[in-house]
Amino acid sequence: MISTEARRDAPAEIARVLAPVDLSADSPASVLQALELGRRLGAVVVVMTAVADADVAAGRSHGDYLDQVIETRRMRLVAWFATRVPEEARRGARVTFVAVPGAPARAIVEAARAEKADLIVMATHERAGLRRWTHRSIARAVARAAPIPVLTVRPDHVRFRAAV
C-alpha cells in the first residue's frame, strides 16, 4: 500500500481539475467532488463559470469592455464560492477561478484546454419527461467535445451540503 505522503511526491497524472458551475443551487455538488479529488490527488481545482453572450452584450451596452465583464463575473464566482461552499470543504484546497465568455458547453471545453485541465468534474441536472427533450444537456455536450475525461456528479450524491 502506498502512503499519502509517497503519492504526493510522485508526479500526479491529474494535476488540474476543472469544475464548471452555473451558480445554481446544484452547482456546489460538483465543486465539492472536485475539491475532494483535488485534495486526494494534490491537484489544483479550477472553478469556472461561463459568461453568456447576452451578458457580454449587456455589459458592452453599459460601456463595459469584455475584460471588465469577465472580471466582474469572476469576482462574483469567488464570492459565490466563499458563501456557498462549506469552509470544511474549502480547507486545504488549492483553487483558482476563471470566467470564460461563450455558450456554456463551448466555454467549458475551451477552459479545459486553456487551463490544461486533466479532468472535468461537473454537475448533471436530472430532468424527466418533456423537460428532458426540451433542454439540451450541457454535460452531454461537454462529454462529447472535451479532449479529457468528464466526471458528472448528481447533486443529491454529495458529502457536504451547500451553505444556505
Protein backbone atom coordinates (compact mmCIF):
# COMPACT_ATOMS: atom_id res chain seq x y z
CA MET A 1 0.00 0.00 0.00
CA ILE A 2 1.32 3.45 -0.96
CA SER A 3 1.11 6.12 1.72
CA THR A 4 -0.48 9.51 1.04
CA GLU A 5 2.92 11.16 1.52
CA ALA A 6 4.53 8.95 -1.13
CA ARG A 7 1.78 9.75 -3.62
CA ARG A 8 2.22 13.49 -3.17
CA ASP A 9 5.93 13.20 -4.00
CA ALA A 10 5.23 11.22 -7.18
CA PRO A 11 4.18 13.06 -10.35
CA ALA A 12 0.39 13.29 -10.48
CA GLU A 13 -1.46 12.08 -13.51
CA ILE A 14 -4.24 14.52 -12.69
CA ALA A 15 -2.69 17.86 -11.78
CA ARG A 16 -5.58 20.19 -12.69
CA VAL A 17 -9.31 19.57 -12.24
CA LEU A 18 -11.81 21.87 -13.95
CA ALA A 19 -15.07 22.39 -12.02
CA PRO A 20 -17.53 24.40 -14.14
CA VAL A 21 -20.51 25.93 -12.34
CA ASP A 22 -23.59 27.91 -13.30
CA LEU A 23 -24.05 29.33 -9.79
CA SER A 24 -27.35 27.46 -9.40
CA ALA A 25 -28.44 25.53 -6.31
CA ASP A 26 -26.96 22.34 -7.80
CA SER A 27 -23.56 23.91 -8.54
CA PRO A 28 -21.85 23.15 -5.20
CA ALA A 29 -22.20 19.38 -5.77
CA SER A 30 -19.58 19.22 -8.48
CA VAL A 31 -17.29 21.69 -6.72
CA LEU A 32 -17.39 19.62 -3.54
CA GLN A 33 -16.47 16.50 -5.50
CA ALA A 34 -13.71 18.34 -7.38
CA LEU A 35 -12.27 19.72 -4.13
CA GLU A 36 -12.17 16.26 -2.58
CA LEU A 37 -10.46 14.81 -5.65
CA GLY A 38 -8.06 17.74 -5.77
CA ARG A 39 -7.01 17.22 -2.17
CA ARG A 40 -6.53 13.47 -2.61
CA LEU A 41 -4.53 13.89 -5.82
CA GLY A 42 -2.66 17.06 -4.86
CA ALA A 43 -4.28 18.77 -7.84
CA VAL A 44 -5.31 22.37 -8.40
CA VAL A 45 -9.05 22.85 -8.79
CA VAL A 46 -10.03 25.44 -11.38
CA VAL A 47 -13.56 26.64 -10.61
CA MET A 48 -15.00 28.26 -13.72
CA THR A 49 -18.18 29.80 -14.98
CA ALA A 50 -19.33 30.78 -18.44
CA VAL A 51 -20.26 34.35 -19.27
CA ALA A 52 -23.22 34.09 -21.62
CA ASP A 53 -23.12 36.06 -24.85
CA ALA A 54 -26.18 38.01 -23.67
CA ASP A 55 -24.31 39.10 -20.51
CA VAL A 56 -21.34 40.19 -22.61
CA ALA A 57 -23.66 42.20 -24.88
CA ALA A 58 -25.43 43.78 -21.88
CA GLY A 59 -22.10 44.76 -20.36
CA ARG A 60 -20.95 46.34 -23.60
CA SER A 61 -24.20 48.29 -23.90
CA HIS A 62 -23.38 49.82 -20.50
CA GLY A 63 -19.92 50.83 -21.72
CA ASP A 64 -18.00 47.94 -20.15
CA TYR A 65 -15.22 46.22 -22.03
CA LEU A 66 -15.14 42.44 -22.38
CA ASP A 67 -12.36 42.11 -19.79
CA GLN A 68 -14.43 44.14 -17.29
CA VAL A 69 -17.47 41.92 -17.83
CA ILE A 70 -15.38 38.79 -17.40
CA GLU A 71 -13.59 40.08 -14.30
CA THR A 72 -16.90 41.09 -12.72
CA ARG A 73 -18.25 37.59 -13.29
CA ARG A 74 -15.04 36.02 -11.94
CA MET A 75 -15.31 38.09 -8.76
CA ARG A 76 -18.97 37.01 -8.43
CA LEU A 77 -17.76 33.41 -8.73
CA VAL A 78 -15.18 33.94 -5.95
CA ALA A 79 -17.89 35.42 -3.70
CA TRP A 80 -20.26 32.54 -4.53
CA PHE A 81 -17.54 30.02 -3.66
CA ALA A 82 -16.84 31.71 -0.31
CA THR A 83 -20.51 31.72 0.69
CA ARG A 84 -21.94 28.54 -0.85
CA VAL A 85 -19.12 26.03 -0.38
CA PRO A 86 -18.63 24.98 3.26
CA GLU A 87 -15.39 26.04 4.92
CA GLU A 88 -14.63 22.41 5.79
CA ALA A 89 -14.67 21.54 2.08
CA ARG A 90 -12.50 24.56 1.13
CA ARG A 91 -9.86 23.94 3.81
CA GLY A 92 -6.53 22.85 2.35
CA ALA A 93 -7.68 23.03 -1.27
CA ARG A 94 -5.68 24.74 -4.00
CA VAL A 95 -8.23 26.69 -6.02
CA THR A 96 -8.21 29.21 -8.86
CA PHE A 97 -11.16 30.93 -10.52
CA VAL A 98 -11.87 31.76 -14.15
CA ALA A 99 -14.75 33.15 -16.17
CA VAL A 100 -14.90 32.38 -19.89
CA PRO A 101 -17.18 34.09 -22.43
CA GLY A 102 -19.45 32.00 -24.62
CA ALA A 103 -22.13 29.35 -24.56
CA PRO A 104 -21.62 27.06 -21.55
CA ALA A 105 -20.60 23.82 -23.29
CA ARG A 106 -18.18 25.58 -25.62
CA ALA A 107 -16.78 27.74 -22.79
CA ILE A 108 -16.16 24.68 -20.60
CA VAL A 109 -14.26 22.84 -23.35
CA GLU A 110 -12.24 25.99 -24.14
CA ALA A 111 -11.43 26.49 -20.45
CA ALA A 112 -10.31 22.86 -20.14
CA ARG A 113 -7.83 23.41 -22.97
CA ALA A 114 -6.67 26.86 -21.83
CA GLU A 115 -6.21 25.74 -18.21
CA LYS A 116 -4.53 22.48 -19.24
CA ALA A 117 -7.04 20.53 -17.16
CA ASP A 118 -6.70 16.77 -16.85
CA LEU A 119 -10.28 16.12 -15.72
CA ILE A 120 -13.63 17.95 -15.78
CA VAL A 121 -15.97 17.44 -12.82
CA MET A 122 -19.44 18.87 -13.39
CA ALA A 123 -22.96 18.56 -12.05
CA THR A 124 -25.64 17.00 -14.16
CA HIS A 125 -29.20 18.20 -13.78
CA GLU A 126 -31.70 15.38 -13.57
CA ARG A 127 -34.60 16.07 -15.90
CA ALA A 128 -37.56 13.90 -16.69
CA GLY A 129 -40.34 13.79 -19.24
CA LEU A 130 -40.77 16.73 -21.58
CA ARG A 131 -38.06 18.82 -19.87
CA ARG A 132 -35.51 16.15 -20.85
CA TRP A 133 -36.36 16.65 -24.51
CA THR A 134 -36.68 20.44 -24.46
CA HIS A 135 -33.45 21.24 -22.56
CA ARG A 136 -30.15 20.33 -24.12
CA SER A 137 -27.75 18.63 -21.76
CA ILE A 138 -24.65 20.73 -21.27
CA ALA A 139 -22.91 17.83 -19.53
CA ARG A 140 -23.58 15.58 -22.52
CA ALA A 141 -22.29 18.20 -24.97
CA VAL A 142 -19.13 18.68 -22.89
CA ALA A 143 -18.54 14.93 -22.62
CA ARG A 144 -18.76 14.61 -26.40
CA ALA A 145 -16.47 17.55 -27.18
CA ALA A 146 -13.95 17.51 -24.33
CA PRO A 147 -10.43 16.27 -25.03
CA ILE A 148 -10.21 14.90 -21.45
CA PRO A 149 -12.39 12.70 -19.19
CA VAL A 150 -15.59 14.19 -17.76
CA LEU A 151 -16.96 13.09 -14.40
CA THR A 152 -20.61 14.02 -13.88
CA VAL A 153 -21.98 14.38 -10.36
CA ARG A 154 -25.61 14.09 -9.38
CA PRO A 155 -26.42 16.92 -6.95
CA ASP A 156 -28.07 14.54 -4.48
CA HIS A 157 -24.86 12.48 -4.07
CA VAL A 158 -22.57 14.83 -2.19
CA ARG A 159 -20.82 14.51 1.14
CA PHE A 160 -21.37 18.09 2.30
CA ARG A 161 -24.41 20.30 1.94
CA ALA A 162 -24.04 23.76 0.46
CA ALA A 163 -24.40 26.69 2.78
CA VAL A 164 -27.76 28.41 2.61
